[in-house]
Amino acid sequence: MAYGAGAALGVATADGAYALVAVAGGSALVPLLAPVTAPLRWVSAVVLVVLGVRGGWGRSPRTGRAGSPRGTTGVP
């Protein structure tokens, strides 16, 4: 049990150090990214929409799999 607690404290310490580096690095980048935040938001929105469309494209409502269900040609 003591080994598990020590390991958990080590993991928590490493996570805290990574979080500190991320906050310090992020706050240093804010002045550089401020002029391009609006275009970055639009680009990220477009990327999310494209990923959503590509992920759902070709899914059959009956089977949930790509392609047409067995025994159909897909032609109306």
C-alpha atoms as a PDB file:
ATOM      1  CA  MET A   1       0.000   0.000   0.000  1.00  0.00           C
ATOM      2  CA  ALA A   2       2.843   2.405   0.798  1.00  0.00           C
ATOM      3  CA  TYR A   3       4.414   1.797  -2.610  1.00  0.00           C
ATOM      4  CA  GLY A   4       1.156   2.661  -4.334  1.00  0.00           C
ATOM      5  CA  ALA A   5       0.820   5.903  -2.388  1.00  0.00           C
ATOM      6  CA  GLY A   6       4.396   6.870  -3.225  1.00  0.00           C
ATOM      7  CA  ALA A   7       3.837   6.123  -6.891  1.00  0.00           C
ATOM      8  CA  ALA A   8       0.617   8.148  -6.885  1.00  0.00           C
ATOM      9  CA  LEU A   9       2.411  11.102  -5.294  1.00  0.00           C
ATOM     10  CA  GLY A  10       5.128  10.872  -7.940  1.00  0.00           C
ATOM     11  CA  VAL A  11       2.567  10.868 -10.726  1.00  0.00           C
ATOM     12  CA  ALA A  12       0.711  13.803  -9.162  1.00  0.00           C
ATOM     13  CA  THR A  13       3.977  15.739  -8.837  1.00  0.00           C
ATOM     14  CA  ALA A  14       4.839  15.154 -12.489  1.00  0.00           C
ATOM     15  CA  ASP A  15       1.317  16.202 -13.541  1.00  0.00           C
ATOM     16  CA  GLY A  16       1.653  19.371 -11.486  1.00  0.00           C
ATOM     17  CA  ALA A  17       4.998  20.175 -13.095  1.00  0.00           C
ATOM     18  CA  TYR A  18       3.557  19.653 -16.585  1.00  0.00           C
ATOM     19  CA  ALA A  19       0.602  21.888 -15.718  1.00  0.00           C
ATOM     20  CA  LEU A  20       2.948  24.616 -14.471  1.00  0.00           C
ATOM     21  CA  VAL A  21       4.952  24.472 -17.704  1.00  0.00           C
ATOM     22  CA  ALA A  22       1.734  24.601 -19.766  1.00  0.00           C
ATOM     23  CA  VAL A  23       0.401  27.627 -17.882  1.00  0.00           C
ATOM     24  CA  ALA A  24       3.706  29.484 -18.075  1.00  0.00           C
ATOM     25  CA  GLY A  25       4.136  28.688 -21.768  1.00  0.00           C
ATOM     26  CA  GLY A  26       0.524  29.516 -22.576  1.00  0.00           C
ATOM     27  CA  SER A  27       0.625  32.858 -20.833  1.00  0.00           C
ATOM     28  CA  ALA A  28       3.833  33.709 -22.685  1.00  0.00           C
ATOM     29  CA  LEU A  29       2.129  32.947 -26.032  1.00  0.00           C
ATOM     30  CA  VAL A  30      -0.998  35.051 -25.409  1.00  0.00           C
ATOM     31  CA  PRO A  31       0.483  38.336 -26.687  1.00  0.00           C
ATOM     32  CA  LEU A  32       1.728  36.611 -29.843  1.00  0.00           C
ATOM     33  CA  LEU A  33      -1.575  34.882 -30.586  1.00  0.00           C
ATOM     34  CA  ALA A  34      -3.916  37.784 -29.768  1.00  0.00           C
ATOM     35  CA  PRO A  35      -3.944  39.267 -33.304  1.00  0.00           C
ATOM     36  CA  VAL A  36      -4.891  35.940 -34.918  1.00  0.00           C
ATOM     37  CA  THR A  37      -7.478  34.579 -32.476  1.00  0.00           C
ATOM     38  CA  ALA A  38     -10.492  35.275 -34.723  1.00  0.00           C
ATOM     39  CA  PRO A  39      -9.034  33.482 -37.780  1.00  0.00           C
ATOM     40  CA  LEU A  40      -7.882  30.598 -35.551  1.00  0.00           C
ATOM     41  CA  ARG A  41     -11.432  30.195 -34.238  1.00  0.00           C
ATOM     42  CA  TRP A  42     -12.833  30.053 -37.773  1.00  0.00           C
ATOM     43  CA  VAL A  43     -10.204  27.575 -38.922  1.00  0.00           C
ATOM     44  CA  SER A  44     -10.802  25.335 -35.909  1.00  0.00           C
ATOM     45  CA  ALA A  45     -14.579  25.470 -36.482  1.00  0.00           C
ATOM     46  CA  VAL A  46     -14.125  24.457 -40.127  1.00  0.00           C
ATOM     47  CA  VAL A  47     -11.813  21.601 -39.135  1.00  0.00           C
ATOM     48  CA  LEU A  48     -14.370  20.308 -36.615  1.00  0.00           C
ATOM     49  CA  VAL A  49     -17.180  20.457 -39.173  1.00  0.00           C
ATOM     50  CA  VAL A  50     -15.050  18.639 -41.770  1.00  0.00           C
ATOM     51  CA  LEU A  51     -14.157  15.939 -39.240  1.00  0.00           C
ATOM     52  CA  GLY A  52     -17.816  15.539 -38.302  1.00  0.00           C
ATOM     53  CA  VAL A  53     -18.930  15.259 -41.925  1.00  0.00           C
ATOM     54  CA  ARG A  54     -16.171  12.811 -42.804  1.00  0.00           C
ATOM     55  CA  GLY A  55     -16.924  10.730 -39.725  1.00  0.00           C
ATOM     56  CA  GLY A  56     -20.612  10.460 -40.529  1.00  0.00           C
ATOM     57  CA  TRP A  57     -20.430  10.266 -44.314  1.00  0.00           C
ATOM     58  CA  GLY A  58     -21.539   6.975 -45.792  1.00  0.00           C
ATOM     59  CA  ARG A  59     -23.051   5.607 -42.586  1.00  0.00           C
ATOM     60  CA  SER A  60     -26.164   3.531 -43.088  1.00  0.00           C
ATOM     61  CA  PRO A  61     -28.993   4.492 -40.724  1.00  0.00           C
ATOM     62  CA  ARG A  62     -30.105   0.830 -40.490  1.00  0.00           C
ATOM     63  CA  THR A  63     -26.766  -0.844 -39.844  1.00  0.00           C
ATOM     64  CA  GLY A  64     -24.588   1.970 -38.539  1.00  0.00           C
ATOM     65  CA  ARG A  65     -21.785   0.728 -40.792  1.00  0.00           C
ATOM     66  CA  ALA A  66     -20.297   2.221 -43.907  1.00  0.00           C
ATOM     67  CA  GLY A  67     -21.753   1.080 -47.202  1.00  0.00           C
ATOM     68  CA  SER A  68     -25.190  -0.201 -48.111  1.00  0.00           C
ATOM     69  CA  PRO A  69     -26.970  -2.885 -46.105  1.00  0.00           C
ATOM     70  CA  ARG A  70     -26.626  -6.467 -47.298  1.00  0.00           C
ATOM     71  CA  GLY A  71     -28.870  -7.310 -50.241  1.00  0.00           C
ATOM     72  CA  THR A  72     -29.370  -3.751 -51.474  1.00  0.00           C
ATOM     73  CA  THR A  73     -27.685  -1.979 -54.335  1.00  0.00           C
ATOM     74  CA  GLY A  74     -28.062   1.534 -53.019  1.00  0.00           C
ATOM     75  CA  VAL A  75     -29.936   2.565 -56.164  1.00  0.00           C
ATOM     76  CA  PRO A  76     -33.451   3.964 -55.485  1.00  0.00           C
END
